[in-house]
Amino acid sequence: MTLVLVFLIVFLIGPFLFKALIAVPPSLRVIRALAAMVLVTFLIALALRYGLLRYWGDSAWLLGAIALALWAAWIGVIALVVQALRRADPRPAMRRWSGVLGAVGTTVPWFGLVLANLMRNT
């Protein structure tokens, strides 16, 4: 059940969040805002990990919150790269392909999770 929920989150929410982050036209202001979002989400993950050290490994909610913060940072990094590419090359082909490949890239952590689960069960 947990893997099904994670699957739905990763394959539905991830690409939609990515699409929302790249919906605005690329500009230096947008790139700076995305960089700040990546930094903040990464710092939240670090703060949760090391700020609540005594609960590490005992709380599934804490582990889930850290994973979600890192995943949001990952999506932000992909959106940041896509916006930088679109700013450098504003042609429609770049817009189309960067959007498609970026949306696919948001699902990469799912494959690592499934592989880790598979290795744990063997």
C-alpha atoms as a PDB file:
ATOM      1  CA  MET A   1       0.000   0.000   0.000  1.00  0.00           C
ATOM      2  CA  THR A   2       2.808   2.409   0.866  1.00  0.00           C
ATOM      3  CA  LEU A   3       4.553   1.848  -2.453  1.00  0.00           C
ATOM      4  CA  VAL A   4       1.280   2.445  -4.297  1.00  0.00           C
ATOM      5  CA  LEU A   5       0.829   5.759  -2.476  1.00  0.00           C
ATOM      6  CA  VAL A   6       4.422   6.785  -3.203  1.00  0.00           C
ATOM      7  CA  PHE A   7       3.963   5.737  -6.839  1.00  0.00           C
ATOM      8  CA  LEU A   8       0.886   7.942  -7.184  1.00  0.00           C
ATOM      9  CA  ILE A   9       2.618  10.883  -5.514  1.00  0.00           C
ATOM     10  CA  VAL A  10       5.725  10.564  -7.670  1.00  0.00           C
ATOM     11  CA  PHE A  11       4.009   9.980 -10.996  1.00  0.00           C
ATOM     12  CA  LEU A  12       1.146  12.460 -10.536  1.00  0.00           C
ATOM     13  CA  ILE A  13       2.210  15.228  -8.188  1.00  0.00           C
ATOM     14  CA  GLY A  14       5.847  15.401  -9.319  1.00  0.00           C
ATOM     15  CA  PRO A  15       5.243  16.182 -12.989  1.00  0.00           C
ATOM     16  CA  PHE A  16       2.427  18.622 -12.132  1.00  0.00           C
ATOM     17  CA  LEU A  17       4.637  20.447  -9.622  1.00  0.00           C
ATOM     18  CA  PHE A  18       7.396  20.586 -12.225  1.00  0.00           C
ATOM     19  CA  LYS A  19       4.962  21.920 -14.823  1.00  0.00           C
ATOM     20  CA  ALA A  20       3.866  24.654 -12.412  1.00  0.00           C
ATOM     21  CA  LEU A  21       7.479  25.658 -11.755  1.00  0.00           C
ATOM     22  CA  ILE A  22       8.310  25.995 -15.449  1.00  0.00           C
ATOM     23  CA  ALA A  23       5.027  27.609 -16.510  1.00  0.00           C
ATOM     24  CA  VAL A  24       6.397  31.128 -16.145  1.00  0.00           C
ATOM     25  CA  PRO A  25       8.637  32.525 -18.886  1.00  0.00           C
ATOM     26  CA  PRO A  26      12.350  32.090 -18.080  1.00  0.00           C
ATOM     27  CA  SER A  27      14.082  35.120 -16.635  1.00  0.00           C
ATOM     28  CA  LEU A  28      16.894  35.824 -14.220  1.00  0.00           C
ATOM     29  CA  ARG A  29      14.341  36.561 -11.476  1.00  0.00           C
ATOM     30  CA  VAL A  30      12.652  33.179 -11.988  1.00  0.00           C
ATOM     31  CA  ILE A  31      15.995  31.377 -11.949  1.00  0.00           C
ATOM     32  CA  ARG A  32      16.961  33.097  -8.694  1.00  0.00           C
ATOM     33  CA  ALA A  33      13.597  32.218  -7.148  1.00  0.00           C
ATOM     34  CA  LEU A  34      14.007  28.563  -8.143  1.00  0.00           C
ATOM     35  CA  ALA A  35      17.539  28.505  -6.731  1.00  0.00           C
ATOM     36  CA  ALA A  36      16.224  29.924  -3.459  1.00  0.00           C
ATOM     37  CA  MET A  37      13.451  27.295  -3.382  1.00  0.00           C
ATOM     38  CA  VAL A  38      15.996  24.517  -3.903  1.00  0.00           C
ATOM     39  CA  LEU A  39      18.206  25.877  -1.140  1.00  0.00           C
ATOM     40  CA  VAL A  40      15.306  26.253   1.303  1.00  0.00           C
ATOM     41  CA  THR A  41      13.913  22.761   0.706  1.00  0.00           C
ATOM     42  CA  PHE A  42      17.371  21.238   1.023  1.00  0.00           C
ATOM     43  CA  LEU A  43      18.001  23.146   4.259  1.00  0.00           C
ATOM     44  CA  ILE A  44      14.632  21.965   5.593  1.00  0.00           C
ATOM     45  CA  ALA A  45      15.667  18.368   4.888  1.00  0.00           C
ATOM     46  CA  LEU A  46      18.995  18.906   6.658  1.00  0.00           C
ATOM     47  CA  ALA A  47      17.312  20.626   9.603  1.00  0.00           C
ATOM     48  CA  LEU A  48      14.869  17.756   9.992  1.00  0.00           C
ATOM     49  CA  ARG A  49      17.625  15.167   9.711  1.00  0.00           C
ATOM     50  CA  TYR A  50      20.083  16.706  12.136  1.00  0.00           C
ATOM     51  CA  GLY A  51      17.721  18.817  14.236  1.00  0.00           C
ATOM     52  CA  LEU A  52      15.624  15.817  15.256  1.00  0.00           C
ATOM     53  CA  LEU A  53      18.516  13.390  15.532  1.00  0.00           C
ATOM     54  CA  ARG A  54      17.132  11.371  18.420  1.00  0.00           C
ATOM     55  CA  TYR A  55      14.024  10.469  16.394  1.00  0.00           C
ATOM     56  CA  TRP A  56      16.053   9.387  13.350  1.00  0.00           C
ATOM     57  CA  GLY A  57      15.139   5.839  12.399  1.00  0.00           C
ATOM     58  CA  ASP A  58      12.203   5.672  14.826  1.00  0.00           C
ATOM     59  CA  SER A  59       9.702   7.935  13.114  1.00  0.00           C
ATOM     60  CA  ALA A  60       8.338   7.024   9.702  1.00  0.00           C
ATOM     61  CA  TRP A  61       6.769  10.487   9.506  1.00  0.00           C
ATOM     62  CA  LEU A  62      10.155  12.140   9.961  1.00  0.00           C
ATOM     63  CA  LEU A  63      11.709   9.956   7.276  1.00  0.00           C
ATOM     64  CA  GLY A  64       8.802  10.726   4.951  1.00  0.00           C
ATOM     65  CA  ALA A  65       9.082  14.475   5.562  1.00  0.00           C
ATOM     66  CA  ILE A  66      12.823  14.387   4.837  1.00  0.00           C
ATOM     67  CA  ALA A  67      12.243  12.361   1.667  1.00  0.00           C
ATOM     68  CA  LEU A  68       9.545  14.799   0.505  1.00  0.00           C
ATOM     69  CA  ALA A  69      11.796  17.800   1.157  1.00  0.00           C
ATOM     70  CA  LEU A  70      14.661  16.205  -0.781  1.00  0.00           C
ATOM     71  CA  TRP A  71      12.304  15.258  -3.589  1.00  0.00           C
ATOM     72  CA  ALA A  72      10.961  18.822  -3.773  1.00  0.00           C
ATOM     73  CA  ALA A  73      14.566  20.034  -3.977  1.00  0.00           C
ATOM     74  CA  TRP A  74      15.186  17.541  -6.798  1.00  0.00           C
ATOM     75  CA  ILE A  75      12.184  18.823  -8.739  1.00  0.00           C
ATOM     76  CA  GLY A  76      13.378  22.376  -8.129  1.00  0.00           C
ATOM     77  CA  VAL A  77      16.823  21.547  -9.503  1.00  0.00           C
ATOM     78  CA  ILE A  78      15.290  20.064 -12.641  1.00  0.00           C
ATOM     79  CA  ALA A  79      13.052  23.122 -13.075  1.00  0.00           C
ATOM     80  CA  LEU A  80      16.065  25.385 -12.523  1.00  0.00           C
ATOM     81  CA  VAL A  81      18.053  23.629 -15.249  1.00  0.00           C
ATOM     82  CA  VAL A  82      15.091  23.685 -17.635  1.00  0.00           C
ATOM     83  CA  GLN A  83      14.506  27.392 -17.087  1.00  0.00           C
ATOM     84  CA  ALA A  84      18.211  28.111 -17.666  1.00  0.00           C
ATOM     85  CA  LEU A  85      18.156  26.068 -20.882  1.00  0.00           C
ATOM     86  CA  ARG A  86      15.009  27.817 -22.065  1.00  0.00           C
ATOM     87  CA  ARG A  87      16.545  31.194 -21.327  1.00  0.00           C
ATOM     88  CA  ALA A  88      19.631  30.284 -23.355  1.00  0.00           C
ATOM     89  CA  ASP A  89      17.639  28.791 -26.246  1.00  0.00           C
ATOM     90  CA  PRO A  90      14.063  30.121 -26.530  1.00  0.00           C
ATOM     91  CA  ARG A  91      13.100  28.040 -29.580  1.00  0.00           C
ATOM     92  CA  PRO A  92       9.854  26.024 -29.372  1.00  0.00           C
ATOM     93  CA  ALA A  93      11.732  22.724 -29.780  1.00  0.00           C
ATOM     94  CA  MET A  94      13.805  23.446 -26.658  1.00  0.00           C
ATOM     95  CA  ARG A  95      10.650  24.380 -24.764  1.00  0.00           C
ATOM     96  CA  ARG A  96       8.904  21.169 -25.788  1.00  0.00           C
ATOM     97  CA  TRP A  97      11.790  18.737 -25.211  1.00  0.00           C
ATOM     98  CA  SER A  98      12.986  20.295 -21.968  1.00  0.00           C
ATOM     99  CA  GLY A  99       9.448  20.090 -20.574  1.00  0.00           C
ATOM    100  CA  VAL A 100       9.024  16.443 -21.526  1.00  0.00           C
ATOM    101  CA  LEU A 101      12.455  15.310 -20.308  1.00  0.00           C
ATOM    102  CA  GLY A 102      12.149  17.362 -17.122  1.00  0.00           C
ATOM    103  CA  ALA A 103       8.769  15.810 -16.276  1.00  0.00           C
ATOM    104  CA  VAL A 104      10.252  12.354 -16.805  1.00  0.00           C
ATOM    105  CA  GLY A 105      13.211  13.334 -14.617  1.00  0.00           C
ATOM    106  CA  THR A 106      10.937  14.033 -11.651  1.00  0.00           C
ATOM    107  CA  THR A 107      10.171  10.316 -11.436  1.00  0.00           C
ATOM    108  CA  VAL A 108      13.807   9.153 -11.167  1.00  0.00           C
ATOM    109  CA  PRO A 109      13.721   8.834  -7.337  1.00  0.00           C
ATOM    110  CA  TRP A 110      10.886   6.290  -7.682  1.00  0.00           C
ATOM    111  CA  PHE A 111      13.184   3.861  -9.475  1.00  0.00           C
ATOM    112  CA  GLY A 112      15.807   4.181  -6.743  1.00  0.00           C
ATOM    113  CA  LEU A 113      13.154   3.518  -4.097  1.00  0.00           C
ATOM    114  CA  VAL A 114      11.824   0.459  -5.904  1.00  0.00           C
ATOM    115  CA  LEU A 115      15.337  -0.891  -6.468  1.00  0.00           C
ATOM    116  CA  ALA A 116      16.208  -0.413  -2.778  1.00  0.00           C
ATOM    117  CA  ASN A 117      12.979  -2.166  -1.784  1.00  0.00           C
ATOM    118  CA  LEU A 118      13.727  -4.994  -4.194  1.00  0.00           C
ATOM    119  CA  MET A 119      17.259  -5.455  -2.820  1.00  0.00           C
ATOM    120  CA  ARG A 120      15.982  -5.389   0.761  1.00  0.00           C
ATOM    121  CA  ASN A 121      13.486  -8.174   0.019  1.00  0.00           C
ATOM    122  CA  THR A 122      15.956 -10.510  -1.670  1.00  0.00           C
END
